[in-house]
Each structure stands twice: as C-alpha cells, then as structure tokens.
Amino acid sequence: MPPVKLLNGTVFDSSKGTPISFTLGGVIPGWQIGIQKIQKGGKIRLIIPSYYAYGTRSPSSLIPANSILDFNITLTDVTN
C-alpha cells in the first residue's frame, strides 16, 4: 500500500504493505463512504475533504486541522 498522505504530499502514515483490520463504523466518515464503493479485491483512491476526515480537529502533530487526506486502498477481505 502506498503511503498515506496529505493532499500536499506530506506522508503521515505508511503501512508498508501490512494489511490492517477495522470495523467500518470505527473509521473516518470518508472511509465509511468510500470503502462501500468497492468489492473484495478492489482498489480505490480516496481524496477525503477535511469535513469527512477530522474536520477542525488535529488528531496528531502530523495531521493539521482541516486537512484533506489522500489514500490508496486495496480491500483484501470483508467479514461480517
């Protein structure tokens, strides 16, 4: 998986290809909307406006408030 970055190119996280597991209700709204658009094995690039990310909050020193986020996601599996 490519690095996770801000729209200006600043990298704030990189899984280095390591899959992560999560519940859809536990992620930012932009992921909740975007992940549902692909099926198992699908890939998507999500450019998430700050409103659907962290808004006026700054979740870490690497992600300023009102940041637009840029993700490249591969959905490897889906469980219920």
PDB file of N, CA and C in Angstrom:
ATOM      1  N   MET A   1       0.853  -1.174   0.000  1.00  0.00           N
ATOM      2  CA  MET A   1       0.000   0.000   0.000  1.00  0.00           C
ATOM      3  C   MET A   1       0.895   1.231   0.000  1.00  0.00           C
ATOM      4  N   PRO A   2       0.636   2.179  -0.905  1.00  0.00           N
ATOM      5  CA  PRO A   2       1.421   3.414  -0.910  1.00  0.00           C
ATOM      6  C   PRO A   2       1.229   4.185   0.387  1.00  0.00           C
ATOM      7  N   PRO A   3       2.125   5.118   0.651  1.00  0.00           N
ATOM      8  CA  PRO A   3       1.991   5.896   1.886  1.00  0.00           C
ATOM      9  C   PRO A   3       0.682   6.678   1.924  1.00  0.00           C
ATOM     10  N   VAL A   4       0.217   6.905   3.121  1.00  0.00           N
ATOM     11  CA  VAL A   4      -0.962   7.731   3.341  1.00  0.00           C
ATOM     12  C   VAL A   4      -0.459   9.157   3.502  1.00  0.00           C
ATOM     13  N   LYS A   5      -1.087  10.095   2.797  1.00  0.00           N
ATOM     14  CA  LYS A   5      -0.530  11.438   2.802  1.00  0.00           C
ATOM     15  C   LYS A   5      -1.607  12.513   2.802  1.00  0.00           C
ATOM     16  N   LEU A   6      -1.137  13.712   3.085  1.00  0.00           N
ATOM     17  CA  LEU A   6      -1.979  14.879   2.948  1.00  0.00           C
ATOM     18  C   LEU A   6      -2.011  15.247   1.474  1.00  0.00           C
ATOM     19  N   LEU A   7      -2.951  16.058   1.069  1.00  0.00           N
ATOM     20  CA  LEU A   7      -3.066  16.433  -0.331  1.00  0.00           C
ATOM     21  C   LEU A   7      -1.806  17.145  -0.837  1.00  0.00           C
ATOM     22  N   ASN A   8      -1.070  17.808   0.049  1.00  0.00           N
ATOM     23  CA  ASN A   8       0.157  18.493  -0.367  1.00  0.00           C
ATOM     24  C   ASN A   8       1.356  17.544  -0.492  1.00  0.00           C
ATOM     25  N   GLY A   9       1.131  16.243  -0.262  1.00  0.00           N
ATOM     26  CA  GLY A   9       2.192  15.246  -0.417  1.00  0.00           C
ATOM     27  C   GLY A   9       2.885  14.833   0.867  1.00  0.00           C
ATOM     28  N   THR A  10       2.621  15.499   1.972  1.00  0.00           N
ATOM     29  CA  THR A  10       3.237  15.155   3.252  1.00  0.00           C
ATOM     30  C   THR A  10       2.732  13.790   3.710  1.00  0.00           C
ATOM     31  N   VAL A  11       3.648  12.840   3.910  1.00  0.00           N
ATOM     32  CA  VAL A  11       3.284  11.490   4.359  1.00  0.00           C
ATOM     33  C   VAL A  11       3.056  11.514   5.865  1.00  0.00           C
ATOM     34  N   PHE A  12       1.916  10.967   6.305  1.00  0.00           N
ATOM     35  CA  PHE A  12       1.661  10.901   7.745  1.00  0.00           C
ATOM     36  C   PHE A  12       1.530   9.484   8.261  1.00  0.00           C
ATOM     37  N   ASP A  13       1.499   8.493   7.369  1.00  0.00           N
ATOM     38  CA  ASP A  13       1.437   7.102   7.812  1.00  0.00           C
ATOM     39  C   ASP A  13       1.770   6.213   6.626  1.00  0.00           C
ATOM     40  N   SER A  14       2.390   5.083   6.899  1.00  0.00           N
ATOM     41  CA  SER A  14       2.665   4.116   5.844  1.00  0.00           C
ATOM     42  C   SER A  14       2.643   2.729   6.452  1.00  0.00           C
ATOM     43  N   SER A  15       1.752   1.896   5.955  1.00  0.00           N
ATOM     44  CA  SER A  15       1.655   0.536   6.487  1.00  0.00           C
ATOM     45  C   SER A  15       2.705  -0.375   5.866  1.00  0.00           C
ATOM     46  N   LYS A  16       3.398   0.105   4.841  1.00  0.00           N
ATOM     47  CA  LYS A  16       4.430  -0.677   4.152  1.00  0.00           C
ATOM     48  C   LYS A  16       3.887  -2.022   3.689  1.00  0.00           C
ATOM     49  N   GLY A  17       2.639  -2.022   3.223  1.00  0.00           N
ATOM     50  CA  GLY A  17       2.051  -3.242   2.679  1.00  0.00           C
ATOM     51  C   GLY A  17       1.419  -4.157   3.706  1.00  0.00           C
ATOM     52  N   THR A  18       1.490  -3.808   4.970  1.00  0.00           N
ATOM     53  CA  THR A  18       0.905  -4.633   6.020  1.00  0.00           C
ATOM     54  C   THR A  18      -0.601  -4.393   6.088  1.00  0.00           C
ATOM     55  N   PRO A  19      -1.408  -5.428   5.875  1.00  0.00           N
ATOM     56  CA  PRO A  19      -2.863  -5.242   5.959  1.00  0.00           C
ATOM     57  C   PRO A  19      -3.295  -4.830   7.366  1.00  0.00           C
ATOM     58  N   ILE A  20      -4.352  -4.045   7.431  1.00  0.00           N
ATOM     59  CA  ILE A  20      -4.943  -3.684   8.712  1.00  0.00           C
ATOM     60  C   ILE A  20      -6.403  -4.127   8.716  1.00  0.00           C
ATOM     61  N   SER A  21      -6.918  -4.401   9.885  1.00  0.00           N
ATOM     62  CA  SER A  21      -8.322  -4.787  10.038  1.00  0.00           C
ATOM     63  C   SER A  21      -9.031  -3.700  10.833  1.00  0.00           C
ATOM     64  N   PHE A  22     -10.281  -3.448  10.484  1.00  0.00           N
ATOM     65  CA  PHE A  22     -11.052  -2.447  11.205  1.00  0.00           C
ATOM     66  C   PHE A  22     -12.529  -2.698  10.981  1.00  0.00           C
ATOM     67  N   THR A  23     -13.346  -2.150  11.863  1.00  0.00           N
ATOM     68  CA  THR A  23     -14.788  -2.158  11.640  1.00  0.00           C
ATOM     69  C   THR A  23     -15.124  -0.862  10.921  1.00  0.00           C
ATOM     70  N   LEU A  24     -16.008  -0.936   9.968  1.00  0.00           N
ATOM     71  CA  LEU A  24     -16.327   0.222   9.145  1.00  0.00           C
ATOM     72  C   LEU A  24     -16.842   1.391   9.985  1.00  0.00           C
ATOM     73  N   GLY A  25     -17.571   1.095  11.039  1.00  0.00           N
ATOM     74  CA  GLY A  25     -18.089   2.162  11.893  1.00  0.00           C
ATOM     75  C   GLY A  25     -17.038   2.842  12.742  1.00  0.00           C
ATOM     76  N   GLY A  26     -15.815   2.297  12.771  1.00  0.00           N
ATOM     77  CA  GLY A  26     -14.764   2.859  13.605  1.00  0.00           C
ATOM     78  C   GLY A  26     -13.756   3.711  12.861  1.00  0.00           C
ATOM     79  N   VAL A  27     -14.042   4.048  11.603  1.00  0.00           N
ATOM     80  CA  VAL A  27     -13.102   4.844  10.810  1.00  0.00           C
ATOM     81  C   VAL A  27     -13.732   6.183  10.430  1.00  0.00           C
ATOM     82  N   ILE A  28     -12.940   7.064   9.862  1.00  0.00           N
ATOM     83  CA  ILE A  28     -13.447   8.384   9.484  1.00  0.00           C
ATOM     84  C   ILE A  28     -14.580   8.256   8.460  1.00  0.00           C
ATOM     85  N   PRO A  29     -15.499   9.211   8.445  1.00  0.00           N
ATOM     86  CA  PRO A  29     -16.641   9.139   7.529  1.00  0.00           C
ATOM     87  C   PRO A  29     -16.254   8.954   6.055  1.00  0.00           C
ATOM     88  N   GLY A  30     -15.161   9.558   5.620  1.00  0.00           N
ATOM     89  CA  GLY A  30     -14.735   9.404   4.227  1.00  0.00           C
ATOM     90  C   GLY A  30     -14.444   7.955   3.869  1.00  0.00           C
ATOM     91  N   TRP A  31     -13.885   7.203   4.799  1.00  0.00           N
ATOM     92  CA  TRP A  31     -13.657   5.767   4.580  1.00  0.00           C
ATOM     93  C   TRP A  31     -14.986   5.025   4.615  1.00  0.00           C
ATOM     94  N   GLN A  32     -15.869   5.382   5.528  1.00  0.00           N
ATOM     95  CA  GLN A  32     -17.164   4.712   5.622  1.00  0.00           C
ATOM     96  C   GLN A  32     -17.924   4.819   4.307  1.00  0.00           C
ATOM     97  N   ILE A  33     -17.828   5.956   3.653  1.00  0.00           N
ATOM     98  CA  ILE A  33     -18.491   6.160   2.365  1.00  0.00           C
ATOM     99  C   ILE A  33     -17.731   5.455   1.243  1.00  0.00           C
ATOM    100  N   GLY A  34     -16.427   5.668   1.175  1.00  0.00           N
ATOM    101  CA  GLY A  34     -15.626   5.176   0.060  1.00  0.00           C
ATOM    102  C   GLY A  34     -15.429   3.679   0.014  1.00  0.00           C
ATOM    103  N   ILE A  35     -15.190   3.052   1.150  1.00  0.00           N
ATOM    104  CA  ILE A  35     -14.940   1.604   1.188  1.00  0.00           C
ATOM    105  C   ILE A  35     -16.145   0.830   0.657  1.00  0.00           C
ATOM    106  N   GLN A  36     -17.333   1.342   0.879  1.00  0.00           N
ATOM    107  CA  GLN A  36     -18.541   0.658   0.408  1.00  0.00           C
ATOM    108  C   GLN A  36     -18.680   0.684  -1.117  1.00  0.00           C
ATOM    109  N   LYS A  37     -17.856   1.471  -1.796  1.00  0.00           N
ATOM    110  CA  LYS A  37     -17.922   1.583  -3.251  1.00  0.00           C
ATOM    111  C   LYS A  37     -17.124   0.492  -3.973  1.00  0.00           C
ATOM    112  N   ILE A  38     -16.342  -0.291  -3.218  1.00  0.00           N
ATOM    113  CA  ILE A  38     -15.529  -1.338  -3.843  1.00  0.00           C
ATOM    114  C   ILE A  38     -15.852  -2.703  -3.248  1.00  0.00           C
ATOM    115  N   GLN A  39     -15.477  -3.745  -3.982  1.00  0.00           N
ATOM    116  CA  GLN A  39     -15.681  -5.116  -3.517  1.00  0.00           C
ATOM    117  C   GLN A  39     -14.343  -5.718  -3.111  1.00  0.00           C
ATOM    118  N   LYS A  40     -14.395  -6.889  -2.505  1.00  0.00           N
ATOM    119  CA  LYS A  40     -13.194  -7.616  -2.118  1.00  0.00           C
ATOM    120  C   LYS A  40     -12.264  -7.706  -3.323  1.00  0.00           C
ATOM    121  N   GLY A  41     -10.993  -7.356  -3.118  1.00  0.00           N
ATOM    122  CA  GLY A  41     -10.004  -7.364  -4.185  1.00  0.00           C
ATOM    123  C   GLY A  41      -9.941  -6.056  -4.958  1.00  0.00           C
ATOM    124  N   GLY A  42     -10.872  -5.143  -4.688  1.00  0.00           N
ATOM    125  CA  GLY A  42     -10.916  -3.870  -5.391  1.00  0.00           C
ATOM    126  C   GLY A  42      -9.921  -2.863  -4.837  1.00  0.00           C
ATOM    127  N   LYS A  43      -9.625  -1.873  -5.664  1.00  0.00           N
ATOM    128  CA  LYS A  43      -8.722  -0.791  -5.272  1.00  0.00           C
ATOM    129  C   LYS A  43      -9.433   0.535  -5.494  1.00  0.00           C
ATOM    130  N   ILE A  44      -9.109   1.506  -4.636  1.00  0.00           N
ATOM    131  CA  ILE A  44      -9.717   2.824  -4.756  1.00  0.00           C
ATOM    132  C   ILE A  44      -8.742   3.870  -4.214  1.00  0.00           C
ATOM    133  N   ARG A  45      -8.772   5.027  -4.830  1.00  0.00           N
ATOM    134  CA  ARG A  45      -8.054   6.181  -4.281  1.00  0.00           C
ATOM    135  C   ARG A  45      -9.115   7.095  -3.697  1.00  0.00           C
ATOM    136  N   LEU A  46      -8.963   7.420  -2.437  1.00  0.00           N
ATOM    137  CA  LEU A  46      -9.898   8.315  -1.763  1.00  0.00           C
ATOM    138  C   LEU A  46      -9.186   9.620  -1.433  1.00  0.00           C
ATOM    139  N   ILE A  47      -9.682  10.700  -1.975  1.00  0.00           N
ATOM    140  CA  ILE A  47      -9.224  12.034  -1.586  1.00  0.00           C
ATOM    141  C   ILE A  47     -10.353  12.593  -0.738  1.00  0.00           C
ATOM    142  N   ILE A  48     -10.089  12.675   0.547  1.00  0.00           N
ATOM    143  CA  ILE A  48     -11.143  12.948   1.522  1.00  0.00           C
ATOM    144  C   ILE A  48     -11.067  14.382   2.027  1.00  0.00           C
ATOM    145  N   PRO A  49     -12.117  15.167   1.775  1.00  0.00           N
ATOM    146  CA  PRO A  49     -12.152  16.537   2.306  1.00  0.00           C
ATOM    147  C   PRO A  49     -12.136  16.509   3.837  1.00  0.00           C
ATOM    148  N   SER A  50     -11.636  17.571   4.420  1.00  0.00           N
ATOM    149  CA  SER A  50     -11.494  17.602   5.880  1.00  0.00           C
ATOM    150  C   SER A  50     -12.818  17.339   6.592  1.00  0.00           C
ATOM    151  N   TYR A  51     -13.919  17.776   6.005  1.00  0.00           N
ATOM    152  CA  TYR A  51     -15.231  17.567   6.615  1.00  0.00           C
ATOM    153  C   TYR A  51     -15.509  16.081   6.845  1.00  0.00           C
ATOM    154  N   TYR A  52     -15.048  15.204   5.948  1.00  0.00           N
ATOM    155  CA  TYR A  52     -15.244  13.759   6.072  1.00  0.00           C
ATOM    156  C   TYR A  52     -14.030  13.046   6.674  1.00  0.00           C
ATOM    157  N   ALA A  53     -13.073  13.829   7.153  1.00  0.00           N
ATOM    158  CA  ALA A  53     -11.890  13.257   7.809  1.00  0.00           C
ATOM    159  C   ALA A  53     -11.929  13.663   9.285  1.00  0.00           C
ATOM    160  N   TYR A  54     -11.098  14.625   9.663  1.00  0.00           N
ATOM    161  CA  TYR A  54     -11.028  15.036  11.067  1.00  0.00           C
ATOM    162  C   TYR A  54     -11.564  16.443  11.309  1.00  0.00           C
ATOM    163  N   GLY A  55     -11.980  17.117  10.227  1.00  0.00           N
ATOM    164  CA  GLY A  55     -12.558  18.454  10.375  1.00  0.00           C
ATOM    165  C   GLY A  55     -11.608  19.438  11.035  1.00  0.00           C
ATOM    166  N   THR A  56     -12.111  20.154  12.012  1.00  0.00           N
ATOM    167  CA  THR A  56     -11.309  21.178  12.687  1.00  0.00           C
ATOM    168  C   THR A  56     -10.399  20.610  13.769  1.00  0.00           C
ATOM    169  N   ARG A  57     -10.478  19.286  13.971  1.00  0.00           N
ATOM    170  CA  ARG A  57      -9.608  18.637  14.964  1.00  0.00           C
ATOM    171  C   ARG A  57      -8.281  18.263  14.316  1.00  0.00           C
ATOM    172  N   SER A  58      -7.236  18.189  15.117  1.00  0.00           N
ATOM    173  CA  SER A  58      -5.933  17.715  14.680  1.00  0.00           C
ATOM    174  C   SER A  58      -5.640  16.443  15.461  1.00  0.00           C
ATOM    175  N   PRO A  59      -5.803  15.250  14.838  1.00  0.00           N
ATOM    176  CA  PRO A  59      -5.628  14.003  15.578  1.00  0.00           C
ATOM    177  C   PRO A  59      -4.180  13.700  15.963  1.00  0.00           C
ATOM    178  N   SER A  60      -3.230  14.367  15.304  1.00  0.00           N
ATOM    179  CA  SER A  60      -1.814  14.179  15.641  1.00  0.00           C
ATOM    180  C   SER A  60      -1.030  15.374  15.121  1.00  0.00           C
ATOM    181  N   SER A  61       0.213  15.457  15.517  1.00  0.00           N
ATOM    182  CA  SER A  61       1.048  16.567  15.054  1.00  0.00           C
ATOM    183  C   SER A  61       1.329  16.474  13.551  1.00  0.00           C
ATOM    184  N   LEU A  62       1.117  15.314  12.963  1.00  0.00           N
ATOM    185  CA  LEU A  62       1.371  15.126  11.538  1.00  0.00           C
ATOM    186  C   LEU A  62       0.167  15.492  10.667  1.00  0.00           C
ATOM    187  N   ILE A  63      -1.021  15.594  11.283  1.00  0.00           N
ATOM    188  CA  ILE A  63      -2.242  15.909  10.534  1.00  0.00           C
ATOM    189  C   ILE A  63      -2.842  17.190  11.105  1.00  0.00           C
ATOM    190  N   PRO A  64      -2.614  18.308  10.433  1.00  0.00           N
ATOM    191  CA  PRO A  64      -3.186  19.566  10.927  1.00  0.00           C
ATOM    192  C   PRO A  64      -4.713  19.571  10.798  1.00  0.00           C
ATOM    193  N   ALA A  65      -5.351  20.419  11.560  1.00  0.00           N
ATOM    194  CA  ALA A  65      -6.796  20.602  11.437  1.00  0.00           C
ATOM    195  C   ALA A  65      -7.128  21.017  10.002  1.00  0.00           C
ATOM    196  N   ASN A  66      -8.298  20.642   9.538  1.00  0.00           N
ATOM    197  CA  ASN A  66      -8.811  20.988   8.206  1.00  0.00           C
ATOM    198  C   ASN A  66      -7.986  20.393   7.059  1.00  0.00           C
ATOM    199  N   SER A  67      -7.338  19.262   7.288  1.00  0.00           N
ATOM    200  CA  SER A  67      -6.513  18.623   6.256  1.00  0.00           C
ATOM    201  C   SER A  67      -7.346  17.786   5.301  1.00  0.00           C
ATOM    202  N   ILE A  68      -6.987  17.835   4.033  1.00  0.00           N
ATOM    203  CA  ILE A  68      -7.540  16.949   3.013  1.00  0.00           C
ATOM    204  C   ILE A  68      -6.605  15.742   2.961  1.00  0.00           C
ATOM    205  N   LEU A  69      -7.172  14.528   3.040  1.00  0.00           N
ATOM    206  CA  LEU A  69      -6.371  13.307   3.110  1.00  0.00           C
ATOM    207  C   LEU A  69      -6.429  12.542   1.788  1.00  0.00           C
ATOM    208  N   ASP A  70      -5.329  11.847   1.458  1.00  0.00           N
ATOM    209  CA  ASP A  70      -5.189  11.124   0.192  1.00  0.00           C
ATOM    210  C   ASP A  70      -4.801   9.677   0.500  1.00  0.00           C
ATOM    211  N   PHE A  71      -5.701   8.737   0.209  1.00  0.00           N
ATOM    212  CA  PHE A  71      -5.476   7.317   0.493  1.00  0.00           C
ATOM    213  C   PHE A  71      -5.570   6.496  -0.784  1.00  0.00           C
ATOM    214  N   ASN A  72      -4.706   5.497  -0.921  1.00  0.00           N
ATOM    215  CA  ASN A  72      -4.837   4.450  -1.936  1.00  0.00           C
ATOM    216  C   ASN A  72      -5.113   3.169  -1.166  1.00  0.00           C
ATOM    217  N   ILE A  73      -6.259   2.563  -1.414  1.00  0.00           N
ATOM    218  CA  ILE A  73      -6.728   1.431  -0.605  1.00  0.00           C
ATOM    219  C   ILE A  73      -6.988   0.216  -1.491  1.00  0.00           C
ATOM    220  N   THR A  74      -6.538  -0.942  -1.014  1.00  0.00           N
ATOM    221  CA  THR A  74      -6.888  -2.222  -1.620  1.00  0.00           C
ATOM    222  C   THR A  74      -7.674  -2.998  -0.580  1.00  0.00           C
ATOM    223  N   LEU A  75      -8.879  -3.394  -0.923  1.00  0.00           N
ATOM    224  CA  LEU A  75      -9.735  -4.138   0.001  1.00  0.00           C
ATOM    225  C   LEU A  75      -9.467  -5.623  -0.184  1.00  0.00           C
ATOM    226  N   THR A  76      -8.746  -6.226   0.754  1.00  0.00           N
ATOM    227  CA  THR A  76      -8.335  -7.620   0.596  1.00  0.00           C
ATOM    228  C   THR A  76      -9.363  -8.621   1.095  1.00  0.00           C
ATOM    229  N   ASP A  77     -10.183  -8.235   2.060  1.00  0.00           N
ATOM    230  CA  ASP A  77     -11.165  -9.174   2.598  1.00  0.00           C
ATOM    231  C   ASP A  77     -12.284  -8.412   3.279  1.00  0.00           C
ATOM    232  N   VAL A  78     -13.428  -9.063   3.362  1.00  0.00           N
ATOM    233  CA  VAL A  78     -14.600  -8.497   4.037  1.00  0.00           C
ATOM    234  C   VAL A  78     -15.200  -9.599   4.899  1.00  0.00           C
ATOM    235  N   THR A  79     -15.458  -9.276   6.163  1.00  0.00           N
ATOM    236  CA  THR A  79     -16.113 -10.239   7.058  1.00  0.00           C
ATOM    237  C   THR A  79     -17.312  -9.564   7.703  1.00  0.00           C
ATOM    238  N   ASN A  80     -18.223 -10.362   8.158  1.00  0.00           N
ATOM    239  CA  ASN A  80     -19.406  -9.835   8.852  1.00  0.00           C
ATOM    240  C   ASN A  80     -19.291 -10.043  10.324  1.00  0.00           C
TER     241      ASN A  80
END
